[in-house]
Amino acid sequence: MHDSVWFEINKKPAVVIASSEFIDAAQRQADALGLPELRRVFVAHPIQDATDDQMRAKADAIVNEVIAALKN
């Protein structure tokens, strides 16, 4: 989150990508960092035990959402 805020402050588009387990925490952190509108995209939880193929599928599932967020 801190890195994405830094990029945004420096006029470089950024999107936070995190596990869906952290939706609420991400909003609280974005609020605390002074950028509540920080773009975020969440992948299905869990990711810790995911195989490489499962992680690729999770990434494939959100790639269009990440691109759309960067365009906003």
PDB file of N, CA and C in Angstrom:
ATOM      1  N   MET A   1       0.821  -1.178   0.000  1.00  0.00           N
ATOM      2  CA  MET A   1       0.000   0.000   0.000  1.00  0.00           C
ATOM      3  C   MET A   1       0.873   1.253   0.000  1.00  0.00           C
ATOM      4  N   HIS A   2       1.902   1.273   0.828  1.00  0.00           N
ATOM      5  CA  HIS A   2       2.751   2.455   0.890  1.00  0.00           C
ATOM      6  C   HIS A   2       3.385   2.750  -0.471  1.00  0.00           C
ATOM      7  N   ASP A   3       3.857   1.715  -1.141  1.00  0.00           N
ATOM      8  CA  ASP A   3       4.482   1.925  -2.451  1.00  0.00           C
ATOM      9  C   ASP A   3       3.478   2.478  -3.447  1.00  0.00           C
ATOM     10  N   SER A   4       2.287   1.933  -3.459  1.00  0.00           N
ATOM     11  CA  SER A   4       1.269   2.403  -4.402  1.00  0.00           C
ATOM     12  C   SER A   4       0.893   3.854  -4.128  1.00  0.00           C
ATOM     13  N   VAL A   5       0.795   4.220  -2.858  1.00  0.00           N
ATOM     14  CA  VAL A   5       0.514   5.616  -2.516  1.00  0.00           C
ATOM     15  C   VAL A   5       1.650   6.498  -3.012  1.00  0.00           C
ATOM     16  N   TRP A   6       2.891   6.077  -2.792  1.00  0.00           N
ATOM     17  CA  TRP A   6       4.040   6.855  -3.264  1.00  0.00           C
ATOM     18  C   TRP A   6       3.966   7.065  -4.778  1.00  0.00           C
ATOM     19  N   PHE A   7       3.699   5.981  -5.522  1.00  0.00           N
ATOM     20  CA  PHE A   7       3.585   6.104  -6.976  1.00  0.00           C
ATOM     21  C   PHE A   7       2.484   7.082  -7.356  1.00  0.00           C
ATOM     22  N   GLU A   8       1.333   6.964  -6.735  1.00  0.00           N
ATOM     23  CA  GLU A   8       0.206   7.840  -7.055  1.00  0.00           C
ATOM     24  C   GLU A   8       0.533   9.302  -6.746  1.00  0.00           C
ATOM     25  N   ILE A   9       1.150   9.555  -5.605  1.00  0.00           N
ATOM     26  CA  ILE A   9       1.538  10.922  -5.251  1.00  0.00           C
ATOM     27  C   ILE A   9       2.495  11.495  -6.289  1.00  0.00           C
ATOM     28  N   ASN A  10       3.320  10.628  -6.866  1.00  0.00           N
ATOM     29  CA  ASN A  10       4.293  11.043  -7.873  1.00  0.00           C
ATOM     30  C   ASN A  10       3.763  10.902  -9.296  1.00  0.00           C
ATOM     31  N   LYS A  11       2.426  10.879  -9.414  1.00  0.00           N
ATOM     32  CA  LYS A  11       1.737  10.894 -10.715  1.00  0.00           C
ATOM     33  C   LYS A  11       2.046   9.677 -11.579  1.00  0.00           C
ATOM     34  N   LYS A  12       2.263   8.553 -10.933  1.00  0.00           N
ATOM     35  CA  LYS A  12       2.468   7.291 -11.643  1.00  0.00           C
ATOM     36  C   LYS A  12       1.340   6.346 -11.238  1.00  0.00           C
ATOM     37  N   PRO A  13       0.527   5.940 -12.189  1.00  0.00           N
ATOM     38  CA  PRO A  13      -0.618   5.085 -11.852  1.00  0.00           C
ATOM     39  C   PRO A  13      -0.187   3.779 -11.181  1.00  0.00           C
ATOM     40  N   ALA A  14      -0.932   3.391 -10.179  1.00  0.00           N
ATOM     41  CA  ALA A  14      -0.638   2.161  -9.454  1.00  0.00           C
ATOM     42  C   ALA A  14      -1.943   1.478  -9.060  1.00  0.00           C
ATOM     43  N   VAL A  15      -1.868   0.171  -8.942  1.00  0.00           N
ATOM     44  CA  VAL A  15      -2.995  -0.627  -8.469  1.00  0.00           C
ATOM     45  C   VAL A  15      -2.464  -1.619  -7.442  1.00  0.00           C
ATOM     46  N   VAL A  16      -3.064  -1.630  -6.288  1.00  0.00           N
ATOM     47  CA  VAL A  16      -2.727  -2.615  -5.270  1.00  0.00           C
ATOM     48  C   VAL A  16      -3.423  -3.917  -5.644  1.00  0.00           C
ATOM     49  N   ILE A  17      -2.695  -5.005  -5.609  1.00  0.00           N
ATOM     50  CA  ILE A  17      -3.274  -6.330  -5.837  1.00  0.00           C
ATOM     51  C   ILE A  17      -3.057  -7.128  -4.560  1.00  0.00           C
ATOM     52  N   ALA A  18      -4.145  -7.621  -3.995  1.00  0.00           N
ATOM     53  CA  ALA A  18      -4.064  -8.346  -2.730  1.00  0.00           C
ATOM     54  C   ALA A  18      -5.124  -9.435  -2.686  1.00  0.00           C
ATOM     55  N   SER A  19      -4.993 -10.282  -1.705  1.00  0.00           N
ATOM     56  CA  SER A  19      -5.972 -11.340  -1.473  1.00  0.00           C
ATOM     57  C   SER A  19      -7.285 -10.737  -0.975  1.00  0.00           C
ATOM     58  N   SER A  20      -8.374 -11.334  -1.360  1.00  0.00           N
ATOM     59  CA  SER A  20      -9.697 -10.851  -0.951  1.00  0.00           C
ATOM     60  C   SER A  20      -9.875 -10.870   0.566  1.00  0.00           C
ATOM     61  N   GLU A  21      -9.053 -11.578   1.264  1.00  0.00           N
ATOM     62  CA  GLU A  21      -9.093 -11.602   2.722  1.00  0.00           C
ATOM     63  C   GLU A  21      -8.818 -10.207   3.300  1.00  0.00           C
ATOM     64  N   PHE A  22      -8.168  -9.337   2.525  1.00  0.00           N
ATOM     65  CA  PHE A  22      -7.699  -8.053   3.038  1.00  0.00           C
ATOM     66  C   PHE A  22      -8.476  -6.854   2.497  1.00  0.00           C
ATOM     67  N   ILE A  23      -9.691  -7.068   2.027  1.00  0.00           N
ATOM     68  CA  ILE A  23     -10.486  -5.966   1.470  1.00  0.00           C
ATOM     69  C   ILE A  23     -10.688  -4.861   2.509  1.00  0.00           C
ATOM     70  N   ASP A  24     -11.180  -5.201   3.673  1.00  0.00           N
ATOM     71  CA  ASP A  24     -11.436  -4.193   4.702  1.00  0.00           C
ATOM     72  C   ASP A  24     -10.143  -3.542   5.183  1.00  0.00           C
ATOM     73  N   ALA A  25      -9.118  -4.353   5.399  1.00  0.00           N
ATOM     74  CA  ALA A  25      -7.837  -3.819   5.861  1.00  0.00           C
ATOM     75  C   ALA A  25      -7.234  -2.872   4.829  1.00  0.00           C
ATOM     76  N   ALA A  26      -7.387  -3.183   3.564  1.00  0.00           N
ATOM     77  CA  ALA A  26      -6.858  -2.317   2.509  1.00  0.00           C
ATOM     78  C   ALA A  26      -7.545  -0.960   2.520  1.00  0.00           C
ATOM     79  N   GLN A  27      -8.853  -0.950   2.740  1.00  0.00           N
ATOM     80  CA  GLN A  27      -9.558   0.335   2.806  1.00  0.00           C
ATOM     81  C   GLN A  27      -9.092   1.151   4.009  1.00  0.00           C
ATOM     82  N   ARG A  28      -8.962   0.490   5.143  1.00  0.00           N
ATOM     83  CA  ARG A  28      -8.493   1.202   6.342  1.00  0.00           C
ATOM     84  C   ARG A  28      -7.088   1.767   6.136  1.00  0.00           C
ATOM     85  N   GLN A  29      -6.233   0.989   5.502  1.00  0.00           N
ATOM     86  CA  GLN A  29      -4.859   1.436   5.245  1.00  0.00           C
ATOM     87  C   GLN A  29      -4.853   2.592   4.252  1.00  0.00           C
ATOM     88  N   ALA A  30      -5.632   2.494   3.196  1.00  0.00           N
ATOM     89  CA  ALA A  30      -5.702   3.578   2.212  1.00  0.00           C
ATOM     90  C   ALA A  30      -6.207   4.856   2.880  1.00  0.00           C
ATOM     91  N   ASP A  31      -7.214   4.734   3.730  1.00  0.00           N
ATOM     92  CA  ASP A  31      -7.727   5.889   4.470  1.00  0.00           C
ATOM     93  C   ASP A  31      -6.627   6.488   5.347  1.00  0.00           C
ATOM     94  N   ALA A  32      -5.924   5.628   6.083  1.00  0.00           N
ATOM     95  CA  ALA A  32      -4.876   6.092   6.993  1.00  0.00           C
ATOM     96  C   ALA A  32      -3.731   6.770   6.241  1.00  0.00           C
ATOM     97  N   LEU A  33      -3.478   6.328   5.025  1.00  0.00           N
ATOM     98  CA  LEU A  33      -2.398   6.909   4.221  1.00  0.00           C
ATOM     99  C   LEU A  33      -2.847   8.147   3.451  1.00  0.00           C
ATOM    100  N   GLY A  34      -4.104   8.522   3.613  1.00  0.00           N
ATOM    101  CA  GLY A  34      -4.602   9.741   2.994  1.00  0.00           C
ATOM    102  C   GLY A  34      -4.999   9.613   1.545  1.00  0.00           C
ATOM    103  N   LEU A  35      -5.178   8.394   1.068  1.00  0.00           N
ATOM    104  CA  LEU A  35      -5.578   8.188  -0.324  1.00  0.00           C
ATOM    105  C   LEU A  35      -6.681   7.128  -0.384  1.00  0.00           C
ATOM    106  N   PRO A  36      -7.872   7.461   0.148  1.00  0.00           N
ATOM    107  CA  PRO A  36      -8.936   6.463   0.238  1.00  0.00           C
ATOM    108  C   PRO A  36      -9.390   5.927  -1.117  1.00  0.00           C
ATOM    109  N   GLU A  37      -9.144   6.654  -2.183  1.00  0.00           N
ATOM    110  CA  GLU A  37      -9.557   6.208  -3.521  1.00  0.00           C
ATOM    111  C   GLU A  37      -8.479   5.361  -4.212  1.00  0.00           C
ATOM    112  N   LEU A  38      -7.426   5.006  -3.492  1.00  0.00           N
ATOM    113  CA  LEU A  38      -6.357   4.187  -4.065  1.00  0.00           C
ATOM    114  C   LEU A  38      -6.955   2.962  -4.758  1.00  0.00           C
ATOM    115  N   ARG A  39      -6.534   2.739  -5.990  1.00  0.00           N
ATOM    116  CA  ARG A  39      -7.086   1.615  -6.771  1.00  0.00           C
ATOM    117  C   ARG A  39      -6.607   0.285  -6.198  1.00  0.00           C
ATOM    118  N   ARG A  40      -7.560  -0.636  -6.097  1.00  0.00           N
ATOM    119  CA  ARG A  40      -7.266  -1.964  -5.562  1.00  0.00           C
ATOM    120  C   ARG A  40      -8.007  -3.020  -6.351  1.00  0.00           C
ATOM    121  N   VAL A  41      -7.345  -4.141  -6.548  1.00  0.00           N
ATOM    122  CA  VAL A  41      -7.966  -5.313  -7.171  1.00  0.00           C
ATOM    123  C   VAL A  41      -7.616  -6.499  -6.283  1.00  0.00           C
ATOM    124  N   PHE A  42      -8.602  -7.346  -6.051  1.00  0.00           N
ATOM    125  CA  PHE A  42      -8.399  -8.464  -5.133  1.00  0.00           C
ATOM    126  C   PHE A  42      -8.522  -9.795  -5.854  1.00  0.00           C
ATOM    127  N   VAL A  43      -7.612 -10.694  -5.521  1.00  0.00           N
ATOM    128  CA  VAL A  43      -7.658 -12.060  -6.045  1.00  0.00           C
ATOM    129  C   VAL A  43      -8.338 -12.941  -5.012  1.00  0.00           C
ATOM    130  N   ALA A  44      -8.923 -14.017  -5.483  1.00  0.00           N
ATOM    131  CA  ALA A  44      -9.619 -14.941  -4.587  1.00  0.00           C
ATOM    132  C   ALA A  44      -8.657 -15.502  -3.537  1.00  0.00           C
ATOM    133  N   HIS A  45      -9.135 -15.522  -2.316  1.00  0.00           N
ATOM    134  CA  HIS A  45      -8.377 -16.076  -1.191  1.00  0.00           C
ATOM    135  C   HIS A  45      -8.676 -17.560  -1.097  1.00  0.00           C
ATOM    136  N   PRO A  46      -7.790 -18.404  -0.699  1.00  0.00           N
ATOM    137  CA  PRO A  46      -6.431 -18.134  -0.253  1.00  0.00           C
ATOM    138  C   PRO A  46      -5.435 -18.181  -1.404  1.00  0.00           C
ATOM    139  N   ILE A  47      -4.265 -17.602  -1.150  1.00  0.00           N
ATOM    140  CA  ILE A  47      -3.196 -17.684  -2.150  1.00  0.00           C
ATOM    141  C   ILE A  47      -1.966 -18.406  -1.606  1.00  0.00           C
ATOM    142  N   GLN A  48      -1.838 -18.463  -0.305  1.00  0.00           N
ATOM    143  CA  GLN A  48      -0.641 -19.044   0.305  1.00  0.00           C
ATOM    144  C   GLN A  48      -0.386 -20.483  -0.158  1.00  0.00           C
ATOM    145  N   ASP A  49      -1.430 -21.277  -0.252  1.00  0.00           N
ATOM    146  CA  ASP A  49      -1.270 -22.692  -0.601  1.00  0.00           C
ATOM    147  C   ASP A  49      -1.479 -22.967  -2.088  1.00  0.00           C
ATOM    148  N   ALA A  50      -1.690 -21.929  -2.871  1.00  0.00           N
ATOM    149  CA  ALA A  50      -1.998 -22.121  -4.289  1.00  0.00           C
ATOM    150  C   ALA A  50      -0.780 -22.629  -5.058  1.00  0.00           C
ATOM    151  N   THR A  51      -1.048 -23.510  -5.989  1.00  0.00           N
ATOM    152  CA  THR A  51       0.011 -23.988  -6.882  1.00  0.00           C
ATOM    153  C   THR A  51       0.306 -22.901  -7.919  1.00  0.00           C
ATOM    154  N   ASP A  52       1.374 -23.085  -8.654  1.00  0.00           N
ATOM    155  CA  ASP A  52       1.705 -22.133  -9.725  1.00  0.00           C
ATOM    156  C   ASP A  52       0.557 -22.016 -10.723  1.00  0.00           C
ATOM    157  N   ASP A  53      -0.028 -23.147 -11.101  1.00  0.00           N
ATOM    158  CA  ASP A  53      -1.138 -23.114 -12.053  1.00  0.00           C
ATOM    159  C   ASP A  53      -2.349 -22.387 -11.469  1.00  0.00           C
ATOM    160  N   GLN A  54      -2.629 -22.589 -10.199  1.00  0.00           N
ATOM    161  CA  GLN A  54      -3.740 -21.892  -9.559  1.00  0.00           C
ATOM    162  C   GLN A  54      -3.472 -20.387  -9.489  1.00  0.00           C
ATOM    163  N   MET A  55      -2.235 -20.010  -9.213  1.00  0.00           N
ATOM    164  CA  MET A  55      -1.893 -18.583  -9.168  1.00  0.00           C
ATOM    165  C   MET A  55      -2.013 -17.950 -10.555  1.00  0.00           C
ATOM    166  N   ARG A  56      -1.598 -18.678 -11.582  1.00  0.00           N
ATOM    167  CA  ARG A  56      -1.772 -18.157 -12.948  1.00  0.00           C
ATOM    168  C   ARG A  56      -3.255 -17.951 -13.256  1.00  0.00           C
ATOM    169  N   ALA A  57      -4.087 -18.883 -12.831  1.00  0.00           N
ATOM    170  CA  ALA A  57      -5.528 -18.753 -13.063  1.00  0.00           C
ATOM    171  C   ALA A  57      -6.089 -17.556 -12.300  1.00  0.00           C
ATOM    172  N   LYS A  58      -5.626 -17.344 -11.077  1.00  0.00           N
ATOM    173  CA  LYS A  58      -6.082 -16.186 -10.309  1.00  0.00           C
ATOM    174  C   LYS A  58      -5.648 -14.887 -10.988  1.00  0.00           C
ATOM    175  N   ALA A  59      -4.438 -14.854 -11.499  1.00  0.00           N
ATOM    176  CA  ALA A  59      -3.943 -13.667 -12.196  1.00  0.00           C
ATOM    177  C   ALA A  59      -4.732 -13.441 -13.483  1.00  0.00           C
ATOM    178  N   ASP A  60      -4.960 -14.503 -14.226  1.00  0.00           N
ATOM    179  CA  ASP A  60      -5.749 -14.384 -15.463  1.00  0.00           C
ATOM    180  C   ASP A  60      -7.145 -13.830 -15.175  1.00  0.00           C
ATOM    181  N   ALA A  61      -7.706 -14.208 -14.036  1.00  0.00           N
ATOM    182  CA  ALA A  61      -9.069 -13.797 -13.690  1.00  0.00           C
ATOM    183  C   ALA A  61      -9.176 -12.298 -13.403  1.00  0.00           C
ATOM    184  N   ILE A  62      -8.058 -11.648 -13.042  1.00  0.00           N
ATOM    185  CA  ILE A  62      -8.133 -10.222 -12.689  1.00  0.00           C
ATOM    186  C   ILE A  62      -7.408  -9.297 -13.650  1.00  0.00           C
ATOM    187  N   VAL A  63      -6.736  -9.837 -14.643  1.00  0.00           N
ATOM    188  CA  VAL A  63      -5.897  -8.981 -15.492  1.00  0.00           C
ATOM    189  C   VAL A  63      -6.699  -7.855 -16.143  1.00  0.00           C
ATOM    190  N   ASN A  64      -7.882  -8.139 -16.625  1.00  0.00           N
ATOM    191  CA  ASN A  64      -8.696  -7.077 -17.251  1.00  0.00           C
ATOM    192  C   ASN A  64      -9.130  -6.032 -16.226  1.00  0.00           C
ATOM    193  N   GLU A  65      -9.372  -6.476 -15.010  1.00  0.00           N
ATOM    194  CA  GLU A  65      -9.763  -5.550 -13.945  1.00  0.00           C
ATOM    195  C   GLU A  65      -8.591  -4.611 -13.591  1.00  0.00           C
ATOM    196  N   VAL A  66      -7.377  -5.147 -13.584  1.00  0.00           N
ATOM    197  CA  VAL A  66      -6.190  -4.336 -13.302  1.00  0.00           C
ATOM    198  C   VAL A  66      -5.999  -3.301 -14.417  1.00  0.00           C
ATOM    199  N   ILE A  67      -6.119  -3.737 -15.652  1.00  0.00           N
ATOM    200  CA  ILE A  67      -5.971  -2.814 -16.774  1.00  0.00           C
ATOM    201  C   ILE A  67      -7.028  -1.715 -16.711  1.00  0.00           C
ATOM    202  N   ALA A  68      -8.255  -2.092 -16.433  1.00  0.00           N
ATOM    203  CA  ALA A  68      -9.334  -1.094 -16.327  1.00  0.00           C
ATOM    204  C   ALA A  68      -9.050  -0.108 -15.199  1.00  0.00           C
ATOM    205  N   ALA A  69      -8.553  -0.590 -14.082  1.00  0.00           N
ATOM    206  CA  ALA A  69      -8.250   0.294 -12.950  1.00  0.00           C
ATOM    207  C   ALA A  69      -7.162   1.288 -13.322  1.00  0.00           C
ATOM    208  N   LEU A  70      -6.176   0.849 -14.077  1.00  0.00           N
ATOM    209  CA  LEU A  70      -5.093   1.748 -14.492  1.00  0.00           C
ATOM    210  C   LEU A  70      -5.574   2.816 -15.459  1.00  0.00           C
ATOM    211  N   LYS A  71      -6.627   2.527 -16.192  1.00  0.00           N
ATOM    212  CA  LYS A  71      -7.158   3.495 -17.147  1.00  0.00           C
ATOM    213  C   LYS A  71      -7.995   4.573 -16.478  1.00  0.00           C
ATOM    214  N   ASN A  72      -8.436   4.338 -15.255  1.00  0.00           N
ATOM    215  CA  ASN A  72      -9.268   5.321 -14.534  1.00  0.00           C
ATOM    216  C   ASN A  72      -8.421   6.388 -13.902  1.00  0.00           C
TER     217      ASN A  72
END
